[in-house]
C-alpha atoms as a PDB file:
ATOM      1  CA  MET A   1       0.087   0.176   0.022  1.00  0.00           C
ATOM      2  CA  ARG A   2       1.259   3.443  -0.920  1.00  0.00           C
ATOM      3  CA  TRP A   3       0.726   6.182   1.308  1.00  0.00           C
ATOM      4  CA  SER A   4       1.027   9.874   0.280  1.00  0.00           C
ATOM      5  CA  TRP A   5       1.443  12.484   3.114  1.00  0.00           C
ATOM      6  CA  LEU A   6       0.251  15.231   0.835  1.00  0.00           C
ATOM      7  CA  HIS A   7      -3.060  14.007   0.647  1.00  0.00           C
ATOM      8  CA  SER A   8      -3.376  12.103   4.029  1.00  0.00           C
ATOM      9  CA  GLY A   9      -5.860  12.328   6.676  1.00  0.00           C
ATOM     10  CA  ILE A  10      -6.227  10.664  10.041  1.00  0.00           C
ATOM     11  CA  ARG A  11      -9.138   8.474  10.036  1.00  0.00           C
ATOM     12  CA  TYR A  12     -10.204   5.316  12.252  1.00  0.00           C
ATOM     13  CA  LYS A  13     -12.973   3.293  12.649  1.00  0.00           C
ATOM     14  CA  ILE A  14     -14.504   1.518  15.719  1.00  0.00           C
ATOM     15  CA  LEU A  15     -15.147  -2.250  14.973  1.00  0.00           C
ATOM     16  CA  GLU A  16     -18.510  -2.810  16.235  1.00  0.00           C
ATOM     17  CA  GLN A  17     -18.549  -6.307  15.144  1.00  0.00           C
ATOM     18  CA  GLY A  18     -16.194  -8.905  13.656  1.00  0.00           C
ATOM     19  CA  SER A  19     -12.671  -8.197  12.585  1.00  0.00           C
ATOM     20  CA  PHE A  20     -11.091  -6.055  10.205  1.00  0.00           C
ATOM     21  CA  ALA A  21     -10.178  -7.943   6.854  1.00  0.00           C
ATOM     22  CA  TRP A  22      -6.698  -7.010   5.474  1.00  0.00           C
ATOM     23  CA  PRO A  23      -5.777  -8.191   1.968  1.00  0.00           C
ATOM     24  CA  LYS A  24      -3.136 -10.882   1.278  1.00  0.00           C
ATOM     25  CA  VAL A  25       0.426  -9.867   1.124  1.00  0.00           C
ATOM     26  CA  GLN A  26       2.151 -11.003  -1.932  1.00  0.00           C
ATOM     27  CA  ASP A  27       5.726 -10.261  -2.649  1.00  0.00           C
ATOM     28  CA  GLY A  28       5.658  -7.567  -0.084  1.00  0.00           C
ATOM     29  CA  THR A  29       2.766  -5.860  -1.457  1.00  0.00           C
ATOM     30  CA  MET A  30      -1.322  -5.447  -0.672  1.00  0.00           C
ATOM     31  CA  ARG A  31      -2.941  -5.116  -4.508  1.00  0.00           C
ATOM     32  CA  LEU A  32      -6.079  -3.127  -4.208  1.00  0.00           C
ATOM     33  CA  SER A  33      -8.116  -1.247  -6.488  1.00  0.00           C
ATOM     34  CA  ARG A  34      -8.938   2.363  -5.845  1.00  0.00           C
ATOM     35  CA  GLY A  35     -12.541   1.420  -5.269  1.00  0.00           C
ATOM     36  CA  GLN A  36     -11.589  -1.238  -2.590  1.00  0.00           C
ATOM     37  CA  TYR A  37      -8.636   1.027  -1.033  1.00  0.00           C
ATOM     38  CA  GLU A  38     -11.383   3.735  -0.815  1.00  0.00           C
ATOM     39  CA  ALA A  39     -14.047   0.991   0.965  1.00  0.00           C
ATOM     40  CA  MET A  40     -11.442  -0.332   3.310  1.00  0.00           C
ATOM     41  CA  PHE A  41     -10.542   3.243   4.737  1.00  0.00           C
ATOM     42  CA  GLU A  42     -14.513   3.867   4.742  1.00  0.00           C
ATOM     43  CA  GLY A  43     -14.792   0.784   7.200  1.00  0.00           C
ATOM     44  CA  LEU A  44     -16.485  -1.148   4.385  1.00  0.00           C
ATOM     45  CA  ASP A  45     -15.860  -5.004   3.421  1.00  0.00           C
ATOM     46  CA  TRP A  46     -13.282  -4.041   0.519  1.00  0.00           C
ATOM     47  CA  ARG A  47     -13.624  -7.685  -0.482  1.00  0.00           C
ATOM     48  CA  ARG A  48     -17.211  -6.814  -1.442  1.00  0.00           C
ATOM     49  CA  VAL A  49     -16.442  -4.030  -3.852  1.00  0.00           C
ATOM     50  CA  MET A  50     -16.244  -4.940  -8.032  1.00  0.00           C
ATOM     51  CA  ALA A  51     -16.628  -2.987 -10.851  1.00  0.00           C
ATOM     52  CA  GLN A  52     -20.221  -2.190 -12.267  1.00  0.00           C
ATOM     53  CA  ARG A  53     -20.761  -3.836 -15.618  1.00  0.00           C
ATOM     54  CA  VAL A  54     -22.329  -1.256 -18.140  1.00  0.00           C
ATOM     55  CA  SER A  55     -23.922  -2.046 -21.403  1.00  0.00           C
ATOM     56  CA  ALA A  56     -23.097  -0.345 -24.359  1.00  0.00           C
ATOM     57  CA  PRO A  57     -25.877   1.606 -25.986  1.00  0.00           C
ATOM     58  CA  SER A  58     -27.721   0.067 -28.856  1.00  0.00           C
ATOM     59  CA  ALA A  59     -28.408   3.225 -30.727  1.00  0.00           C
ATOM     60  CA  ALA A  60     -27.802   6.893 -30.602  1.00  0.00           C
ATOM     61  CA  GLY A  61     -30.596   9.156 -29.985  1.00  0.00           C
END
């Protein structure tokens, strides 16, 4: 996980139930998409964050 001190803020969450899920470390790195990263720091389950599929329009107008 890379951290930018320029855009950092102090955030914390109190665990109300269960435990906090951390991503696996592979080759010394935790890999998360931007959406997963943002979900993790909002206290959401980052494992449930997926890109939404959007269908291409069939016709213009």
